[in-house]
Amino acid sequence: MEAYKLALSEGRSVDTELPLHVRQKQSIWVRVVGDVEAGNQQSEQRLISMFQGSTGRKQLEQKLWTAATRDALTGAFNPTAGKMANRQIRMCAARHRERRAQGE
């Protein structure tokens, strides 16, 4: 996982979501949150992490994305609505990261 390699090489925390393949043609989404911790010696470090299931949230996010970017009658893609929805998703994600950083 690139996020782990980056966290260990730069000493930063990791917070990412990724699909985890559990069976043939079936996957679940997990959120990985971790922090780098220094060991006893200067060259030692380890990454303490937690996995959290996020499949339900991802499925809801996909339904909301489809509803926001498709015409209700025809199902055709609406590029203008897609751009607006993308902007709103980025803004919500930024607010969520800020709240998490503040410990809320």
Protein backbone atom coordinates (compact mmCIF):
# COMPACT_ATOMS: atom_id res chain seq x y z
CA MET A 1 0.00 0.00 0.00
CA GLU A 2 1.43 3.29 -1.11
CA ALA A 3 -0.17 5.18 1.77
CA TYR A 4 1.75 3.08 4.31
CA LYS A 5 5.05 3.51 2.47
CA LEU A 6 4.53 7.26 2.27
CA ALA A 7 3.55 7.50 5.94
CA LEU A 8 6.64 5.60 7.08
CA SER A 9 9.07 7.41 4.78
CA GLU A 10 7.81 10.88 5.70
CA GLY A 11 6.65 10.22 9.27
CA ARG A 12 3.11 11.37 8.56
CA SER A 13 -0.24 9.88 9.48
CA VAL A 14 -2.38 8.02 6.97
CA ASP A 15 -6.12 8.34 6.40
CA THR A 16 -7.43 6.71 3.24
CA GLU A 17 -10.22 4.54 1.89
CA LEU A 18 -9.66 1.64 -0.42
CA PRO A 19 -11.43 -1.44 -1.73
CA LEU A 20 -10.52 -4.77 -0.15
CA HIS A 21 -11.20 -7.81 -2.31
CA VAL A 22 -12.70 -10.55 -0.14
CA ARG A 23 -14.12 -13.00 -2.68
CA GLN A 24 -14.06 -13.42 -6.39
CA LYS A 25 -15.84 -10.39 -7.90
CA GLN A 26 -16.74 -9.09 -4.43
CA SER A 27 -15.05 -6.33 -2.51
CA ILE A 28 -15.69 -4.21 0.54
CA TRP A 29 -14.50 -0.70 1.31
CA VAL A 30 -12.32 -0.02 4.33
CA ARG A 31 -11.00 3.17 5.84
CA VAL A 32 -7.44 2.97 7.12
CA VAL A 33 -6.29 5.47 9.75
CA GLY A 34 -2.79 5.27 11.17
CA ASP A 35 -0.02 7.23 12.88
CA VAL A 36 3.72 6.73 12.79
CA GLU A 37 5.29 6.08 16.18
CA ALA A 38 9.00 6.33 16.93
CA GLY A 39 10.70 3.28 18.39
CA ASN A 40 13.47 2.98 20.98
CA GLN A 41 16.22 3.70 18.47
CA GLN A 42 16.22 6.56 16.01
CA SER A 43 15.99 4.24 13.01
CA GLU A 44 13.00 2.36 14.43
CA GLN A 45 9.48 3.41 13.67
CA ARG A 46 6.17 1.67 13.33
CA LEU A 47 2.78 2.48 11.99
CA ILE A 48 -0.13 1.96 14.36
CA SER A 49 -3.31 1.72 12.31
CA MET A 50 -6.99 0.94 12.50
CA PHE A 51 -9.28 -0.49 9.83
CA GLN A 52 -12.93 0.58 9.71
CA GLY A 53 -15.58 -0.80 7.36
CA SER A 54 -16.99 1.88 5.08
CA THR A 55 -18.89 -0.15 2.47
CA GLY A 56 -22.32 1.17 3.49
CA ARG A 57 -21.15 4.77 3.35
CA LYS A 58 -19.52 4.23 -0.05
CA GLN A 59 -22.70 2.66 -1.43
CA LEU A 60 -24.75 5.60 -0.17
CA GLU A 61 -22.21 8.02 -1.62
CA GLN A 62 -22.55 6.28 -5.02
CA LYS A 63 -26.36 6.48 -4.88
CA LEU A 64 -26.19 10.19 -4.03
CA TRP A 65 -23.68 10.77 -6.83
CA THR A 66 -25.95 9.00 -9.34
CA ALA A 67 -29.00 10.95 -8.17
CA ALA A 68 -27.10 14.24 -8.37
CA THR A 69 -25.60 13.68 -11.81
CA ARG A 70 -28.37 11.87 -13.73
CA ASP A 71 -31.61 13.13 -15.17
CA ALA A 72 -34.52 11.69 -13.16
CA LEU A 73 -36.58 10.78 -16.25
CA THR A 74 -34.02 9.62 -18.80
CA GLY A 75 -31.08 8.62 -16.62
CA ALA A 76 -28.78 10.58 -18.95
CA PHE A 77 -25.62 12.08 -17.44
CA ASN A 78 -25.77 15.81 -16.71
CA PRO A 79 -22.19 17.18 -16.85
CA THR A 80 -23.10 20.51 -15.21
CA ALA A 81 -24.72 18.74 -12.27
CA GLY A 82 -21.72 16.40 -12.11
CA LYS A 83 -19.32 19.31 -11.70
CA MET A 84 -21.49 20.86 -8.99
CA ALA A 85 -21.82 17.55 -7.13
CA ASN A 86 -18.08 16.99 -7.34
CA ARG A 87 -17.43 20.44 -5.83
CA GLN A 88 -19.91 19.77 -3.01
CA ILE A 89 -18.33 16.40 -2.24
CA ARG A 90 -14.87 17.99 -2.03
CA MET A 91 -16.17 20.72 0.28
CA CYS A 92 -17.87 18.18 2.58
CA ALA A 93 -14.72 16.05 2.68
CA ALA A 94 -12.62 19.09 3.60
CA ARG A 95 -15.01 20.02 6.42
CA HIS A 96 -14.95 16.42 7.67
CA ARG A 97 -11.13 16.39 7.73
CA GLU A 98 -11.08 19.71 9.60
CA ARG A 99 -13.51 18.44 12.24
CA ARG A 100 -11.55 15.22 12.66
CA ALA A 101 -8.31 17.18 13.04
CA GLN A 102 -9.95 19.31 15.75
CA GLY A 103 -11.04 16.17 17.59
CA GLU A 104 -14.80 16.54 17.17
